[in-house]
Each structure stands twice: as structure tokens, then as C-alpha cells.
């Protein structure tokens, strides 16, 4: 559903690369060109294989980014939240397409910036271009580390890493270190690249070690230090 635009000038999203690296003149141009959407939970923002028409920024909400493996099983690459960028992995090549899909985890406010406007912003703003390059490099490094872990790490360690990724992306709700958003067990299994049954067994084992505490579907990180040691 298309909604009224949020003006980039005066935006308070500190993580947003447009807010951090663009001046008011460029922010005004982007505001004029972009479209803002309110998207309900479990809806596709863009789909793997679709032509790249632009990039997306999350104004508010939570999103999962995933791709399809050779056996047609979905694998979650990362989570994203307020201020994060989506769709950037699709750039490059003659006829670029999105190599991943983005799906909302909850009702989300998302802004779409067309290719022409975003590319012009990169070409005229060296700081924005450099920041995006460093973001790409950091994301690639994390992806390579995660791929290596998926191959060599035991399932329990991978579950710990997935829980920490959720914590690092969504943060905590209050001082109890309850995840501000607890992904579904199905999504955690897809993030960990394991079966649902193995995920449940692993979560129960982490609870038994008192690394986490379960409150129905919600998860509290009870011992972050030990959980991070396990995820290394």
C-alpha cells in the first residue's frame, strides 16, 4: 500500500545511508523520486530473479533476506531492520536481477528509490559511494565467515550464531536481554541451515545450559558471553 512519503530532510534514522551521507539538496531530490509503501507481515518486497529497478530502505519494520538453494529449500542470509538497505546485491552485470528475496517479518514501512536517482546520488557523492563500498565489503566478509561456519560448525554452534544475528539486528527489549523480535522457529532453522527438529533440540539444549531462556515463543539471551563463545 502506497503511503505518504517521509521527507529525507530531517530524517532521524541514524543507520540510513541517505541520512548519514547526503546533504539536504540530494535528500530533497531523493524524497521527490522515491515511493513509500506500508507492507503487511509475510509479504514479498522483491523476489529472487526479478529485474533490479532500484533499492529499498526500511524506515520501520523487520525483514528477512533469503535465497533458494539447489534443492529448492530456502536459506535466510540475514535479517534487516530500521534504516537498513535492501536490494543492493542485485547491482552488476548487463541485465541485473535480484539474487535474493526480501520478505517482511512484521508490518513494515519501506521506501523505494529508482535506479537512476540512486546511481546519480552515488556518482555525485563520493562519501555515499565509499560508504556503500565499505558496506558491501563488510557484508561479503560476514557472508564468507558464515558460509565457512555452516560447513564446519556443529548445529548447536550455528544455532547460537543465528540467535546472536537476530540479537545484533533487532536488539533487546529492556534490560532482560529479551530479543526485541524473536524470529519464528522455522526462520531460525532456515537461518541455521538445519531441520526444524534439529533446531528445536538445539534450542532446548541451549536452554538447559542456561544460555537462553524461553518464554513461549520469545527468547531471552541469558548468557550472551557463553553464547558468543559457542558461536565463534
Protein backbone atom coordinates (compact mmCIF):
# COMPACT_ATOMS: atom_id res chain seq x y z
CA UNK A 1 0.00 0.00 0.00
CA UNK A 2 1.45 3.36 -1.05
CA UNK A 3 1.59 5.85 1.84
CA UNK A 4 2.66 9.47 2.29
CA UNK A 5 6.38 9.96 1.84
CA UNK A 6 8.71 10.51 4.76
CA UNK A 7 10.85 13.56 3.93
CA UNK A 8 14.53 12.56 3.92
CA UNK A 9 15.38 16.08 5.08
CA UNK A 10 15.13 15.91 8.86
CA UNK A 11 15.03 12.10 8.95
CA UNK A 12 16.13 10.66 12.31
CA UNK A 13 17.23 7.22 11.11
CA UNK A 14 20.93 7.18 12.04
CA UNK A 15 21.63 3.88 10.24
CA UNK A 16 20.20 5.06 6.90
CA UNK A 17 22.98 5.77 4.38
CA UNK A 18 20.93 8.54 2.74
CA UNK A 19 20.51 10.31 6.06
CA UNK A 20 24.16 9.82 7.06
CA UNK A 21 25.92 10.78 3.85
CA UNK A 22 23.65 13.01 1.75
CA UNK A 23 23.15 16.75 2.04
CA UNK A 24 19.73 18.39 2.13
CA UNK A 25 19.74 19.14 -1.62
CA UNK A 26 20.28 15.49 -2.54
CA UNK A 27 17.84 14.37 0.15
CA UNK A 28 15.18 16.59 -1.45
CA UNK A 29 15.80 15.03 -4.87
CA UNK A 30 15.56 11.53 -3.42
CA UNK A 31 12.39 12.39 -1.50
CA UNK A 32 10.75 13.66 -4.68
CA UNK A 33 11.65 10.49 -6.63
CA UNK A 34 11.05 7.77 -4.04
CA UNK A 35 7.88 5.89 -3.18
CA UNK A 36 6.90 4.84 0.34
CA UNK A 37 4.99 1.63 0.98
CA UNK A 38 3.37 0.07 4.04
CA UNK A 39 3.72 -3.69 3.64
CA UNK A 40 1.99 -6.25 5.85
CA UNK A 41 3.82 -9.14 7.54
CA UNK A 42 4.97 -12.11 5.41
CA UNK A 43 4.68 -10.16 2.15
CA UNK A 44 7.31 -10.10 -0.61
CA UNK A 45 9.13 -6.79 -1.12
CA UNK A 46 11.06 -8.12 -4.11
CA UNK A 47 11.65 -11.63 -5.37
CA UNK A 48 14.73 -13.55 -6.43
CA UNK A 49 15.11 -13.32 -10.23
CA UNK A 50 13.15 -10.07 -10.65
CA UNK A 51 14.75 -7.25 -12.62
CA UNK A 52 16.54 -4.69 -10.47
CA UNK A 53 14.60 -1.43 -10.67
CA UNK A 54 16.07 0.25 -7.62
CA UNK A 55 16.95 -0.14 -3.95
CA UNK A 56 14.80 -0.25 -0.84
CA UNK A 57 15.30 1.34 2.56
CA UNK A 58 13.48 0.19 5.69
CA UNK A 59 12.00 3.16 7.52
CA UNK A 60 10.42 0.93 10.16
CA UNK A 61 9.84 -2.79 10.44
CA UNK A 62 11.70 -6.08 10.16
CA UNK A 63 12.64 -8.10 7.08
CA UNK A 64 14.30 -11.41 6.20
CA UNK A 65 16.57 -11.73 3.16
CA UNK A 66 16.77 -15.22 1.67
CA UNK A 67 17.70 -17.21 -1.39
CA UNK A 68 16.82 -20.62 -2.79
CA UNK A 69 19.34 -23.44 -2.61
CA UNK A 70 19.81 -26.10 -5.27
CA UNK A 71 17.31 -28.39 -3.55
CA UNK A 72 14.74 -25.53 -3.66
CA UNK A 73 14.99 -25.08 0.10
CA UNK A 74 15.06 -21.50 1.34
CA UNK A 75 18.10 -20.25 3.24
CA UNK A 76 17.92 -16.98 5.19
CA UNK A 77 21.03 -14.89 4.58
CA UNK A 78 20.37 -12.09 7.04
CA UNK A 79 17.77 -10.12 8.91
CA UNK A 80 17.24 -6.38 8.40
CA UNK A 81 15.50 -3.64 10.39
CA UNK A 82 15.05 0.14 10.68
CA UNK A 83 17.47 2.10 8.49
CA UNK A 84 18.84 -0.92 6.61
CA UNK A 85 19.23 -1.12 2.82
CA UNK A 86 17.74 -3.89 0.65
CA UNK A 87 18.24 -4.84 -2.99
CA UNK A 88 21.84 -3.69 -3.33
CA UNK A 89 23.05 -7.25 -4.02
CA UNK A 90 21.35 -7.09 -7.41
CA UNK A 91 23.60 -4.45 -8.96
CA UNK A 92 26.17 -5.51 -11.54
CA UNK A 93 26.03 -7.17 -14.95
CA UNK A 94 24.22 -6.28 -18.15
CA UNK A 95 20.66 -7.10 -17.08
CA UNK A 96 20.81 -7.22 -13.28
CA UNK A 97 18.27 -9.23 -11.31
CA UNK A 98 17.85 -9.62 -7.58
CA UNK A 99 19.80 -12.74 -6.47
CA UNK A 100 17.79 -12.88 -3.24
CA UNK A 101 14.25 -12.26 -2.00
CA UNK A 102 13.15 -9.90 0.78
CA UNK A 103 10.06 -10.71 2.86
CA UNK A 104 8.60 -8.73 5.74
CA UNK A 105 8.57 -10.29 9.20
CA UNK A 106 6.12 -7.71 10.50
CA UNK A 107 4.23 -4.73 9.15
CA UNK A 108 6.94 -2.54 7.64
CA UNK A 109 7.32 0.93 6.15
CA UNK A 110 9.67 0.65 3.16
CA UNK A 111 10.92 3.30 0.74
CA UNK A 112 11.82 2.52 -2.88
CA UNK A 113 14.45 4.64 -4.70
CA UNK A 114 14.63 4.15 -8.50
CA UNK A 115 17.93 3.11 -10.12
CA UNK A 116 18.51 6.37 -11.96
CA UNK A 117 18.17 8.50 -8.85
CA UNK A 118 20.25 6.21 -6.65
CA UNK A 119 23.03 5.86 -9.23
CA UNK A 120 23.13 9.62 -9.70
CA UNK A 121 23.45 10.00 -5.92
CA UNK A 122 26.41 7.59 -5.91
CA UNK A 123 28.11 9.35 -8.83
CA UNK A 124 27.79 12.80 -7.29
CA UNK A 125 28.52 11.93 -3.66
CA UNK A 126 31.90 10.32 -3.00
CA UNK A 127 31.18 9.77 0.70
CA UNK A 128 27.94 7.91 -0.07
CA UNK A 129 29.70 5.80 -2.71
CA UNK A 130 32.58 4.97 -0.36
CA UNK A 131 30.23 4.05 2.49
CA UNK A 132 28.28 1.69 0.22
CA UNK A 133 31.54 0.10 -0.98
CA UNK A 134 32.61 -0.50 2.63
CA UNK A 135 29.16 -1.88 3.44
CA UNK A 136 29.49 -4.32 0.53
CA UNK A 137 32.94 -5.37 1.76
CA UNK A 138 31.74 -5.89 5.33
CA UNK A 139 28.69 -7.83 4.18
CA UNK A 140 30.83 -10.03 1.93
CA UNK A 141 33.25 -10.74 4.78
CA UNK A 142 30.40 -11.70 7.11
CA UNK A 143 28.88 -13.88 4.38
CA UNK A 144 32.16 -15.72 3.79
CA UNK A 145 32.66 -16.31 7.52
CA UNK A 146 29.08 -17.53 7.88
CA UNK A 147 29.48 -19.90 4.89
CA UNK A 148 32.60 -21.41 6.44
CA UNK A 149 30.80 -21.84 9.75
CA UNK A 150 27.85 -23.53 8.04
CA UNK A 151 30.25 -26.13 6.62
CA UNK A 152 32.39 -26.88 9.69
CA UNK A 153 30.47 -25.85 12.79
CA UNK A 154 28.20 -28.26 14.69
CA UNK A 155 24.49 -27.50 14.59
CA UNK A 156 24.37 -26.15 18.17
CA UNK A 157 27.09 -23.60 17.40
CA UNK A 158 25.27 -22.49 14.26
CA UNK A 159 22.05 -22.03 16.24
CA UNK A 160 23.94 -19.84 18.70
CA UNK A 161 25.26 -17.75 15.78
CA UNK A 162 21.76 -17.36 14.34
CA UNK A 163 20.34 -16.20 17.67
CA UNK A 164 23.11 -13.64 18.00
CA UNK A 165 22.48 -12.40 14.47
CA UNK A 166 18.87 -11.77 15.47
CA UNK A 167 20.05 -10.01 18.63
CA UNK A 168 22.55 -7.84 16.74
CA UNK A 169 19.95 -6.88 14.12
CA UNK A 170 16.85 -6.32 16.23
CA UNK A 171 18.36 -5.51 19.62
CA UNK A 172 16.90 -6.24 23.03
CA UNK A 173 13.64 -5.25 24.70
CA UNK A 174 14.56 -3.84 28.10
CA UNK A 175 17.28 -4.96 30.50
CA UNK A 176 16.33 -8.64 30.45
CA UNK A 177 18.01 -9.15 27.04
CA UNK A 178 14.80 -10.48 25.60
CA UNK A 179 15.05 -10.26 21.82
CA UNK A 180 13.11 -7.23 20.60
CA UNK A 181 11.89 -9.56 17.87
CA UNK A 182 12.14 -13.33 18.17
CA UNK A 183 12.17 -14.96 14.71
CA UNK A 184 9.94 -17.97 14.25
CA UNK A 185 11.49 -21.37 14.82
CA UNK A 186 11.02 -22.07 11.10
CA UNK A 187 13.00 -18.95 10.17
CA UNK A 188 15.74 -19.78 12.68
CA UNK A 189 16.03 -23.23 11.09
CA UNK A 190 16.38 -21.59 7.65
CA UNK A 191 18.99 -19.20 9.03
CA UNK A 192 20.92 -22.09 10.57
CA UNK A 193 20.50 -24.35 7.51
CA UNK A 194 19.21 -27.18 9.62
CA UNK A 195 15.95 -29.06 10.03
CA UNK A 196 13.14 -27.79 12.22
CA UNK A 197 13.52 -30.81 14.53
CA UNK A 198 17.27 -30.21 14.94
CA UNK A 199 16.62 -26.55 15.66
CA UNK A 200 14.14 -27.39 18.42
CA UNK A 201 16.56 -29.87 20.01
CA UNK A 202 19.35 -27.29 19.88
CA UNK A 203 17.24 -24.56 21.45
CA UNK A 204 16.24 -26.93 24.26
CA UNK A 205 19.92 -27.76 24.82
CA UNK A 206 20.87 -24.07 24.97
CA UNK A 207 18.05 -23.55 27.45
CA UNK A 208 19.36 -26.45 29.54
CA UNK A 209 22.81 -24.83 29.58
CA UNK A 210 21.10 -21.62 30.73
CA UNK A 211 22.49 -19.70 27.75
CA UNK A 212 18.94 -18.73 26.78
CA UNK A 213 15.52 -18.63 28.44
CA UNK A 214 12.28 -19.37 26.60
CA UNK A 215 9.05 -17.52 27.31
CA UNK A 216 6.62 -19.26 24.97
CA UNK A 217 7.74 -18.07 21.51
CA UNK A 218 10.00 -15.32 22.85
CA UNK A 219 13.71 -15.81 23.52
CA UNK A 220 15.86 -14.21 26.22
CA UNK A 221 19.65 -14.28 25.90
CA UNK A 222 20.57 -15.29 29.46
CA UNK A 223 24.33 -15.65 28.97
CA UNK A 224 25.49 -13.68 25.94
CA UNK A 225 29.17 -14.25 26.70
CA UNK A 226 28.84 -18.05 26.61
CA UNK A 227 26.59 -17.88 23.57
CA UNK A 228 29.19 -15.83 21.68
CA UNK A 229 31.93 -18.25 22.69
CA UNK A 230 29.84 -21.06 21.25
CA UNK A 231 29.22 -19.11 18.03
CA UNK A 232 32.91 -18.38 17.35
